[in-house]
PDB file of N, CA and C in Angstrom:
ATOM      1  N   UNK A   1       0.839  -1.187   0.000  1.00  0.00           N
ATOM      2  CA  UNK A   1       0.000   0.000   0.000  1.00  0.00           C
ATOM      3  C   UNK A   1       0.880   1.245   0.000  1.00  0.00           C
ATOM      4  N   UNK A   2       0.521   2.199  -0.795  1.00  0.00           N
ATOM      5  CA  UNK A   2       1.220   3.470  -0.850  1.00  0.00           C
ATOM      6  C   UNK A   2       0.933   4.266   0.430  1.00  0.00           C
ATOM      7  N   UNK A   3       1.924   5.012   0.898  1.00  0.00           N
ATOM      8  CA  UNK A   3       1.762   5.804   2.113  1.00  0.00           C
ATOM      9  C   UNK A   3       1.098   7.144   1.837  1.00  0.00           C
ATOM     10  N   UNK A   4       0.467   7.689   2.866  1.00  0.00           N
ATOM     11  CA  UNK A   4       0.042   9.081   2.847  1.00  0.00           C
ATOM     12  C   UNK A   4       1.289   9.930   3.059  1.00  0.00           C
ATOM     13  N   UNK A   5       1.222  11.191   2.645  1.00  0.00           N
ATOM     14  CA  UNK A   5       2.336  12.115   2.869  1.00  0.00           C
ATOM     15  C   UNK A   5       1.792  13.306   3.645  1.00  0.00           C
ATOM     16  N   UNK A   6       2.423  13.588   4.779  1.00  0.00           N
ATOM     17  CA  UNK A   6       2.025  14.712   5.616  1.00  0.00           C
ATOM     18  C   UNK A   6       3.052  15.812   5.428  1.00  0.00           C
ATOM     19  N   UNK A   7       2.611  16.933   4.866  1.00  0.00           N
ATOM     20  CA  UNK A   7       3.484  18.088   4.636  1.00  0.00           C
ATOM     21  C   UNK A   7       3.249  19.119   5.729  1.00  0.00           C
ATOM     22  N   UNK A   8       4.327  19.671   6.244  1.00  0.00           N
ATOM     23  CA  UNK A   8       4.213  20.761   7.208  1.00  0.00           C
ATOM     24  C   UNK A   8       5.446  21.651   7.138  1.00  0.00           C
ATOM     25  N   UNK A   9       5.432  22.738   7.916  1.00  0.00           N
ATOM     26  CA  UNK A   9       6.513  23.710   7.855  1.00  0.00           C
ATOM     27  C   UNK A   9       7.288  23.826   9.162  1.00  0.00           C
ATOM     28  N   UNK A  10       6.975  22.994  10.130  1.00  0.00           N
ATOM     29  CA  UNK A  10       7.729  22.980  11.374  1.00  0.00           C
ATOM     30  C   UNK A  10       7.205  23.889  12.472  1.00  0.00           C
ATOM     31  N   UNK A  11       6.112  24.608  12.230  1.00  0.00           N
ATOM     32  CA  UNK A  11       5.560  25.496  13.260  1.00  0.00           C
ATOM     33  C   UNK A  11       4.860  24.661  14.334  1.00  0.00           C
ATOM     34  N   UNK A  12       4.547  25.251  15.478  1.00  0.00           N
ATOM     35  CA  UNK A  12       3.870  24.500  16.547  1.00  0.00           C
ATOM     36  C   UNK A  12       2.547  23.863  16.113  1.00  0.00           C
ATOM     37  N   UNK A  13       1.750  24.556  15.304  1.00  0.00           N
ATOM     38  CA  UNK A  13       0.490  23.994  14.811  1.00  0.00           C
ATOM     39  C   UNK A  13       0.781  22.737  13.993  1.00  0.00           C
ATOM     40  N   UNK A  14       1.795  22.824  13.134  1.00  0.00           N
ATOM     41  CA  UNK A  14       2.155  21.693  12.267  1.00  0.00           C
ATOM     42  C   UNK A  14       2.688  20.507  13.069  1.00  0.00           C
ATOM     43  N   UNK A  15       3.527  20.772  14.048  1.00  0.00           N
ATOM     44  CA  UNK A  15       4.103  19.700  14.859  1.00  0.00           C
ATOM     45  C   UNK A  15       3.001  18.987  15.643  1.00  0.00           C
ATOM     46  N   UNK A  16       2.062  19.745  16.175  1.00  0.00           N
ATOM     47  CA  UNK A  16       0.935  19.152  16.893  1.00  0.00           C
ATOM     48  C   UNK A  16       0.113  18.265  15.956  1.00  0.00           C
ATOM     49  N   UNK A  17      -0.169  18.767  14.760  1.00  0.00           N
ATOM     50  CA  UNK A  17      -0.921  17.984  13.780  1.00  0.00           C
ATOM     51  C   UNK A  17      -0.144  16.737  13.365  1.00  0.00           C
ATOM     52  N   UNK A  18       1.177  16.856  13.225  1.00  0.00           N
ATOM     53  CA  UNK A  18       2.009  15.698  12.882  1.00  0.00           C
ATOM     54  C   UNK A  18       1.845  14.589  13.919  1.00  0.00           C
ATOM     55  N   UNK A  19       1.913  14.941  15.193  1.00  0.00           N
ATOM     56  CA  UNK A  19       1.765  13.949  16.257  1.00  0.00           C
ATOM     57  C   UNK A  19       0.394  13.268  16.185  1.00  0.00           C
ATOM     58  N   UNK A  20      -0.649  14.056  15.923  1.00  0.00           N
ATOM     59  CA  UNK A  20      -1.993  13.494  15.830  1.00  0.00           C
ATOM     60  C   UNK A  20      -2.130  12.565  14.623  1.00  0.00           C
ATOM     61  N   UNK A  21      -1.586  12.968  13.490  1.00  0.00           N
ATOM     62  CA  UNK A  21      -1.653  12.131  12.282  1.00  0.00           C
ATOM     63  C   UNK A  21      -0.928  10.812  12.510  1.00  0.00           C
ATOM     64  N   UNK A  22       0.270  10.864  13.078  1.00  0.00           N
ATOM     65  CA  UNK A  22       1.034   9.637  13.344  1.00  0.00           C
ATOM     66  C   UNK A  22       0.255   8.732  14.293  1.00  0.00           C
ATOM     67  N   UNK A  23      -0.361   9.313  15.307  1.00  0.00           N
ATOM     68  CA  UNK A  23      -1.159   8.528  16.243  1.00  0.00           C
ATOM     69  C   UNK A  23      -2.361   7.891  15.540  1.00  0.00           C
ATOM     70  N   UNK A  24      -3.003   8.632  14.656  1.00  0.00           N
ATOM     71  CA  UNK A  24      -4.199   8.139  13.970  1.00  0.00           C
ATOM     72  C   UNK A  24      -3.912   7.063  12.929  1.00  0.00           C
ATOM     73  N   UNK A  25      -2.902   7.277  12.090  1.00  0.00           N
ATOM     74  CA  UNK A  25      -2.685   6.360  10.966  1.00  0.00           C
ATOM     75  C   UNK A  25      -1.487   5.433  11.149  1.00  0.00           C
ATOM     76  N   UNK A  26      -0.647   5.726  12.126  1.00  0.00           N
ATOM     77  CA  UNK A  26       0.524   4.894  12.367  1.00  0.00           C
ATOM     78  C   UNK A  26       1.739   5.402  11.605  1.00  0.00           C
ATOM     79  N   UNK A  27       2.865   5.398  12.275  1.00  0.00           N
ATOM     80  CA  UNK A  27       4.102   5.943  11.705  1.00  0.00           C
ATOM     81  C   UNK A  27       4.508   5.242  10.406  1.00  0.00           C
ATOM     82  N   UNK A  28       4.222   3.950  10.301  1.00  0.00           N
ATOM     83  CA  UNK A  28       4.618   3.204   9.109  1.00  0.00           C
ATOM     84  C   UNK A  28       3.725   3.488   7.903  1.00  0.00           C
ATOM     85  N   UNK A  29       2.618   4.205   8.116  1.00  0.00           N
ATOM     86  CA  UNK A  29       1.669   4.483   7.034  1.00  0.00           C
ATOM     87  C   UNK A  29       1.729   5.907   6.506  1.00  0.00           C
ATOM     88  N   UNK A  30       2.647   6.705   7.030  1.00  0.00           N
ATOM     89  CA  UNK A  30       2.716   8.110   6.613  1.00  0.00           C
ATOM     90  C   UNK A  30       4.175   8.548   6.496  1.00  0.00           C
ATOM     91  N   UNK A  31       4.448   9.270   5.429  1.00  0.00           N
ATOM     92  CA  UNK A  31       5.756   9.910   5.244  1.00  0.00           C
ATOM     93  C   UNK A  31       5.609  11.347   5.720  1.00  0.00           C
ATOM     94  N   UNK A  32       6.512  11.801   6.571  1.00  0.00           N
ATOM     95  CA  UNK A  32       6.479  13.162   7.096  1.00  0.00           C
ATOM     96  C   UNK A  32       7.477  14.008   6.315  1.00  0.00           C
ATOM     97  N   UNK A  33       7.004  15.125   5.763  1.00  0.00           N
ATOM     98  CA  UNK A  33       7.874  16.038   5.024  1.00  0.00           C
ATOM     99  C   UNK A  33       7.769  17.420   5.651  1.00  0.00           C
ATOM    100  N   UNK A  34       8.862  17.869   6.247  1.00  0.00           N
ATOM    101  CA  UNK A  34       8.940  19.206   6.823  1.00  0.00           C
ATOM    102  C   UNK A  34       9.495  20.131   5.741  1.00  0.00           C
ATOM    103  N   UNK A  35       8.627  20.918   5.130  1.00  0.00           N
ATOM    104  CA  UNK A  35       9.022  21.796   4.038  1.00  0.00           C
ATOM    105  C   UNK A  35       9.924  22.935   4.502  1.00  0.00           C
ATOM    106  N   UNK A  36       9.915  23.217   5.784  1.00  0.00           N
ATOM    107  CA  UNK A  36      10.829  24.215   6.321  1.00  0.00           C
ATOM    108  C   UNK A  36      12.264  23.725   6.297  1.00  0.00           C
ATOM    109  N   UNK A  37      12.437  22.421   6.404  1.00  0.00           N
ATOM    110  CA  UNK A  37      13.771  21.814   6.383  1.00  0.00           C
ATOM    111  C   UNK A  37      14.135  21.260   5.012  1.00  0.00           C
ATOM    112  N   UNK A  38      13.164  20.764   4.253  1.00  0.00           N
ATOM    113  CA  UNK A  38      13.415  20.148   2.951  1.00  0.00           C
ATOM    114  C   UNK A  38      12.668  20.921   1.871  1.00  0.00           C
ATOM    115  N   UNK A  39      13.230  22.057   1.498  1.00  0.00           N
ATOM    116  CA  UNK A  39      12.588  22.946   0.538  1.00  0.00           C
ATOM    117  C   UNK A  39      12.546  22.352  -0.875  1.00  0.00           C
ATOM    118  N   UNK A  40      13.312  21.305  -1.118  1.00  0.00           N
ATOM    119  CA  UNK A  40      13.307  20.663  -2.435  1.00  0.00           C
ATOM    120  C   UNK A  40      11.971  19.982  -2.724  1.00  0.00           C
ATOM    121  N   UNK A  41      11.139  19.798  -1.719  1.00  0.00           N
ATOM    122  CA  UNK A  41       9.843  19.130  -1.889  1.00  0.00           C
ATOM    123  C   UNK A  41       8.681  20.113  -2.087  1.00  0.00           C
ATOM    124  N   UNK A  42       8.977  21.428  -2.129  1.00  0.00           N
ATOM    125  CA  UNK A  42       7.915  22.422  -2.290  1.00  0.00           C
ATOM    126  C   UNK A  42       7.128  22.212  -3.583  1.00  0.00           C
ATOM    127  N   UNK A  43       7.820  22.031  -4.701  1.00  0.00           N
ATOM    128  CA  UNK A  43       7.136  21.839  -5.978  1.00  0.00           C
ATOM    129  C   UNK A  43       6.309  20.555  -5.965  1.00  0.00           C
ATOM    130  N   UNK A  44       6.847  19.492  -5.383  1.00  0.00           N
ATOM    131  CA  UNK A  44       6.127  18.218  -5.298  1.00  0.00           C
ATOM    132  C   UNK A  44       4.829  18.397  -4.519  1.00  0.00           C
ATOM    133  N   UNK A  45       4.909  19.112  -3.404  1.00  0.00           N
ATOM    134  CA  UNK A  45       3.724  19.352  -2.582  1.00  0.00           C
ATOM    135  C   UNK A  45       2.686  20.157  -3.362  1.00  0.00           C
ATOM    136  N   UNK A  46       3.111  21.224  -3.990  1.00  0.00           N
ATOM    137  CA  UNK A  46       2.175  22.055  -4.749  1.00  0.00           C
ATOM    138  C   UNK A  46       1.579  21.288  -5.927  1.00  0.00           C
ATOM    139  N   UNK A  47       2.380  20.481  -6.607  1.00  0.00           N
ATOM    140  CA  UNK A  47       1.873  19.681  -7.723  1.00  0.00           C
ATOM    141  C   UNK A  47       0.849  18.649  -7.262  1.00  0.00           C
ATOM    142  N   UNK A  48       0.954  18.232  -6.006  1.00  0.00           N
ATOM    143  CA  UNK A  48      -0.011  17.287  -5.438  1.00  0.00           C
ATOM    144  C   UNK A  48      -1.309  17.984  -5.035  1.00  0.00           C
ATOM    145  N   UNK A  49      -1.302  19.328  -5.015  1.00  0.00           N
ATOM    146  CA  UNK A  49      -2.502  20.080  -4.670  1.00  0.00           C
ATOM    147  C   UNK A  49      -2.472  20.737  -3.309  1.00  0.00           C
ATOM    148  N   UNK A  50      -1.326  20.702  -2.635  1.00  0.00           N
ATOM    149  CA  UNK A  50      -1.214  21.326  -1.313  1.00  0.00           C
ATOM    150  C   UNK A  50      -1.233  22.846  -1.486  1.00  0.00           C
ATOM    151  N   UNK A  51      -2.184  23.490  -0.820  1.00  0.00           N
ATOM    152  CA  UNK A  51      -2.330  24.950  -0.868  1.00  0.00           C
ATOM    153  C   UNK A  51      -1.851  25.617   0.412  1.00  0.00           C
ATOM    154  N   UNK A  52      -1.861  24.854   1.503  1.00  0.00           N
ATOM    155  CA  UNK A  52      -1.419  25.358   2.796  1.00  0.00           C
ATOM    156  C   UNK A  52      -0.956  24.164   3.631  1.00  0.00           C
ATOM    157  N   UNK A  53      -0.196  24.467   4.644  1.00  0.00           N
ATOM    158  CA  UNK A  53       0.262  23.415   5.557  1.00  0.00           C
ATOM    159  C   UNK A  53      -0.244  23.731   6.954  1.00  0.00           C
ATOM    160  N   UNK A  54      -0.493  22.707   7.736  1.00  0.00           N
ATOM    161  CA  UNK A  54      -0.273  21.293   7.493  1.00  0.00           C
ATOM    162  C   UNK A  54      -1.324  20.703   6.548  1.00  0.00           C
ATOM    163  N   UNK A  55      -0.890  19.691   5.787  1.00  0.00           N
ATOM    164  CA  UNK A  55      -1.789  19.008   4.857  1.00  0.00           C
ATOM    165  C   UNK A  55      -1.370  17.553   4.715  1.00  0.00           C
ATOM    166  N   UNK A  56      -2.355  16.712   4.525  1.00  0.00           N
ATOM    167  CA  UNK A  56      -2.119  15.288   4.333  1.00  0.00           C
ATOM    168  C   UNK A  56      -2.575  14.913   2.926  1.00  0.00           C
ATOM    169  N   UNK A  57      -1.673  14.318   2.150  1.00  0.00           N
ATOM    170  CA  UNK A  57      -2.023  13.814   0.829  1.00  0.00           C
ATOM    171  C   UNK A  57      -2.220  12.311   0.979  1.00  0.00           C
ATOM    172  N   UNK A  58      -3.427  11.859   0.669  1.00  0.00           N
ATOM    173  CA  UNK A  58      -3.759  10.447   0.842  1.00  0.00           C
ATOM    174  C   UNK A  58      -3.205   9.629  -0.326  1.00  0.00           C
ATOM    175  N   UNK A  59      -3.125   8.297  -0.149  1.00  0.00           N
ATOM    176  CA  UNK A  59      -2.599   7.453  -1.221  1.00  0.00           C
ATOM    177  C   UNK A  59      -3.343   7.584  -2.556  1.00  0.00           C
ATOM    178  N   UNK A  60      -4.628   7.943  -2.516  1.00  0.00           N
ATOM    179  CA  UNK A  60      -5.363   8.097  -3.775  1.00  0.00           C
ATOM    180  C   UNK A  60      -5.335   9.523  -4.305  1.00  0.00           C
ATOM    181  N   UNK A  61      -4.533  10.391  -3.679  1.00  0.00           N
ATOM    182  CA  UNK A  61      -4.314  11.741  -4.197  1.00  0.00           C
ATOM    183  C   UNK A  61      -5.186  12.830  -3.628  1.00  0.00           C
ATOM    184  N   UNK A  62      -6.072  12.517  -2.692  1.00  0.00           N
ATOM    185  CA  UNK A  62      -6.857  13.569  -2.041  1.00  0.00           C
ATOM    186  C   UNK A  62      -5.954  14.380  -1.116  1.00  0.00           C
ATOM    187  N   UNK A  63      -6.185  15.687  -1.065  1.00  0.00           N
ATOM    188  CA  UNK A  63      -5.418  16.559  -0.178  1.00  0.00           C
ATOM    189  C   UNK A  63      -6.339  17.018   0.942  1.00  0.00           C
ATOM    190  N   UNK A  64      -5.947  16.714   2.169  1.00  0.00           N
ATOM    191  CA  UNK A  64      -6.703  17.116   3.350  1.00  0.00           C
ATOM    192  C   UNK A  64      -5.943  18.247   4.031  1.00  0.00           C
ATOM    193  N   UNK A  65      -6.452  19.458   3.898  1.00  0.00           N
ATOM    194  CA  UNK A  65      -5.825  20.609   4.543  1.00  0.00           C
ATOM    195  C   UNK A  65      -6.295  20.657   5.991  1.00  0.00           C
ATOM    196  N   UNK A  66      -5.350  20.743   6.905  1.00  0.00           N
ATOM    197  CA  UNK A  66      -5.626  20.613   8.325  1.00  0.00           C
ATOM    198  C   UNK A  66      -5.305  21.921   9.044  1.00  0.00           C
ATOM    199  N   UNK A  67      -6.275  22.484   9.732  1.00  0.00           N
ATOM    200  CA  UNK A  67      -6.025  23.613  10.630  1.00  0.00           C
ATOM    201  C   UNK A  67      -5.034  24.610  10.044  1.00  0.00           C
ATOM    202  N   UNK A  68      -5.468  25.399   9.083  1.00  0.00           N
ATOM    203  CA  UNK A  68      -4.610  26.320   8.330  1.00  0.00           C
ATOM    204  C   UNK A  68      -3.498  26.920   9.188  1.00  0.00           C
ATOM    205  N   UNK A  69      -2.270  26.625   8.820  1.00  0.00           N
ATOM    206  CA  UNK A  69      -1.110  27.153   9.525  1.00  0.00           C
ATOM    207  C   UNK A  69      -0.375  28.194   8.708  1.00  0.00           C
ATOM    208  N   UNK A  70      -0.101  27.864   7.428  1.00  0.00           N
ATOM    209  CA  UNK A  70       0.614  28.788   6.544  1.00  0.00           C
ATOM    210  C   UNK A  70       0.322  28.431   5.096  1.00  0.00           C
ATOM    211  N   UNK A  71       0.182  29.460   4.266  1.00  0.00           N
ATOM    212  CA  UNK A  71      -0.004  29.211   2.844  1.00  0.00           C
ATOM    213  C   UNK A  71       1.328  28.755   2.240  1.00  0.00           C
ATOM    214  N   UNK A  72       1.270  28.147   1.082  1.00  0.00           N
ATOM    215  CA  UNK A  72       2.497  27.721   0.424  1.00  0.00           C
ATOM    216  C   UNK A  72       3.344  28.933   0.070  1.00  0.00           C
ATOM    217  N   UNK A  73       2.714  30.065  -0.247  1.00  0.00           N
ATOM    218  CA  UNK A  73       3.470  31.292  -0.524  1.00  0.00           C
ATOM    219  C   UNK A  73       4.273  31.715   0.709  1.00  0.00           C
ATOM    220  N   UNK A  74       3.665  31.582   1.885  1.00  0.00           N
ATOM    221  CA  UNK A  74       4.370  31.909   3.129  1.00  0.00           C
ATOM    222  C   UNK A  74       5.538  30.954   3.348  1.00  0.00           C
ATOM    223  N   UNK A  75       5.328  29.674   3.055  1.00  0.00           N
ATOM    224  CA  UNK A  75       6.387  28.686   3.237  1.00  0.00           C
ATOM    225  C   UNK A  75       7.548  28.984   2.288  1.00  0.00           C
ATOM    226  N   UNK A  76       7.225  29.361   1.058  1.00  0.00           N
ATOM    227  CA  UNK A  76       8.285  29.688   0.092  1.00  0.00           C
ATOM    228  C   UNK A  76       9.072  30.912   0.533  1.00  0.00           C
ATOM    229  N   UNK A  77       8.373  31.820   1.249  1.00  0.00           N
ATOM    230  CA  UNK A  77       9.035  33.023   1.771  1.00  0.00           C
ATOM    231  C   UNK A  77       9.393  33.936   0.694  1.00  0.00           C
TER     232      UNK A  77
END
């Protein structure tokens, strides 16, 4: 099974959401991408449909935007 991908920017809202997502779906079922640390994944996230972080991209390509923390424009700086 393909993993979900959880994108965030490292802010407190994002870190809290990361902990909840890992608890809900299990660490082995989700890839965590901190866009604040790994800026090379910004285009990948946007191409997947991520408009703001934190966001979870499901294995079938749905994007679940969680508790608006920052727009992708803000993350790009």
